[in-house]
Protein backbone atom coordinates (compact mmCIF):
# COMPACT_ATOMS: atom_id res chain seq x y z
CA MET A 1 -37.78 23.23 45.41
CA GLU A 2 -34.72 22.53 43.32
CA THR A 3 -33.22 25.35 41.27
CA ILE A 4 -30.36 24.75 38.85
CA THR A 5 -28.22 27.75 38.00
CA ALA A 6 -25.51 27.98 35.39
CA GLY A 7 -24.36 31.53 34.86
CA GLU A 8 -27.31 33.55 33.53
CA LEU A 9 -29.49 30.43 33.32
CA GLU A 10 -31.95 29.50 36.02
CA ILE A 11 -33.95 26.31 35.75
CA ARG A 12 -36.75 25.26 38.09
CA PRO A 13 -37.65 21.70 37.07
CA SER A 14 -40.66 21.39 39.39
CA GLU A 15 -42.19 24.51 37.84
CA TYR A 16 -41.11 23.66 34.28
CA LEU A 17 -39.51 27.10 34.13
CA ALA A 18 -36.26 28.14 32.50
CA LEU A 19 -34.92 31.69 32.46
CA ALA A 20 -32.02 33.08 30.42
CA ALA A 21 -30.77 36.46 31.59
CA GLY A 22 -34.04 36.80 33.52
CA ARG A 23 -36.20 36.13 30.45
CA PRO A 24 -38.47 33.09 30.40
CA LEU A 25 -37.75 30.57 27.67
CA ARG A 26 -40.59 28.96 25.75
CA LEU A 27 -39.31 25.41 25.44
CA THR A 28 -40.80 22.13 24.33
CA VAL A 29 -40.63 19.24 26.79
CA ARG A 30 -37.57 17.76 25.01
CA GLU A 31 -35.80 21.13 24.87
CA PHE A 32 -36.44 21.65 28.58
CA GLN A 33 -35.17 18.17 29.39
CA LEU A 34 -32.08 18.73 27.25
CA LEU A 35 -31.32 22.09 28.86
CA THR A 36 -31.77 20.58 32.31
CA ALA A 37 -29.47 17.65 31.48
CA LEU A 38 -26.77 20.04 30.22
CA ALA A 39 -27.19 22.43 33.17
CA ARG A 40 -26.83 19.61 35.69
CA ARG A 41 -23.43 18.96 34.11
CA ALA A 42 -22.48 22.59 33.44
CA ASP A 43 -18.91 23.19 32.30
CA ARG A 44 -18.41 19.50 31.51
CA ILE A 45 -18.59 17.85 28.12
CA VAL A 46 -21.66 15.65 27.87
CA THR A 47 -21.69 13.06 25.11
CA ARG A 48 -24.55 12.61 22.66
CA GLU A 49 -25.03 9.16 24.16
CA GLU A 50 -25.46 10.56 27.67
CA LEU A 51 -27.85 13.27 26.48
CA HIS A 52 -29.91 10.86 24.40
CA GLU A 53 -30.31 8.46 27.29
CA ALA A 54 -31.14 11.29 29.74
CA VAL A 55 -33.74 12.92 27.48
CA TRP A 56 -35.17 10.11 25.36
CA GLY A 57 -34.64 7.32 27.90
CA GLU A 58 -33.24 4.89 25.38
CA PRO A 59 -29.83 3.93 23.98
CA TYR A 60 -28.29 6.20 21.35
CA ARG A 61 -27.89 5.03 17.75
CA LYS A 62 -25.04 6.64 15.81
CA SER A 63 -27.35 7.46 12.88
CA ASP A 64 -29.78 9.32 15.15
CA ARG A 65 -29.41 13.11 14.86
CA SER A 66 -32.12 14.00 17.41
CA VAL A 67 -29.69 15.42 19.96
CA ASP A 68 -28.05 17.64 17.34
CA VAL A 69 -31.39 18.91 16.02
CA TYR A 70 -32.66 19.75 19.50
CA VAL A 71 -29.38 21.41 20.49
CA GLY A 72 -29.77 23.65 17.41
CA LYS A 73 -33.32 24.61 18.40
CA LEU A 74 -32.26 25.21 21.99
CA ARG A 75 -29.33 27.38 20.90
CA GLN A 76 -31.67 29.55 18.84
CA LYS A 77 -34.08 30.07 21.72
CA LEU A 78 -31.22 30.88 24.11
CA ASN A 79 -29.80 33.34 21.59
CA ASP A 80 -33.21 34.99 21.17
CA ALA A 81 -33.41 35.50 24.95
CA SER A 82 -29.80 36.57 25.40
CA PRO A 83 -28.24 37.59 22.06
CA GLY A 84 -24.56 36.99 21.52
CA ARG A 85 -24.12 34.79 24.59
CA PRO A 86 -22.85 31.36 23.49
CA TYR A 87 -24.34 29.03 26.09
CA ILE A 88 -23.82 25.67 24.37
CA HIS A 89 -20.46 24.75 22.91
CA THR A 90 -19.85 21.87 20.52
CA HIS A 91 -16.87 19.64 21.13
CA PHE A 92 -16.54 17.79 17.83
CA GLY A 93 -16.23 14.06 18.26
CA PHE A 94 -17.19 14.29 21.94
CA GLY A 95 -20.45 16.13 22.60
CA TYR A 96 -21.70 19.40 24.05
CA ARG A 97 -20.86 21.63 27.00
CA LEU A 98 -23.06 24.24 28.65
CA ALA A 99 -20.85 27.13 29.78
CA SER A 100 -21.91 28.52 33.14
CA GLY A 101 -20.12 31.82 32.80
CA GLN A 102 -18.50 34.16 30.27
């Protein structure tokens, strides 16, 4: 069974389980897919285009704000589980980066 770890995050894709600081996260399918895509590339900037294709399985359109909306929801749930820990960082004009440690 594959387990993806990035700092305090533990993701078990085959079990559809994500933990932040040992607390289970209640994520939608898209949020889980987004978190997994970011965690697989932890500490690297991932573009909106890459995330959109990984999660939605289709090419990104510049007017589409889906990635940004879901990142916002995911940030809130991560913050609820582990307050004050900034997991996802925005790199304006580039994309997002999941920090594996701080």
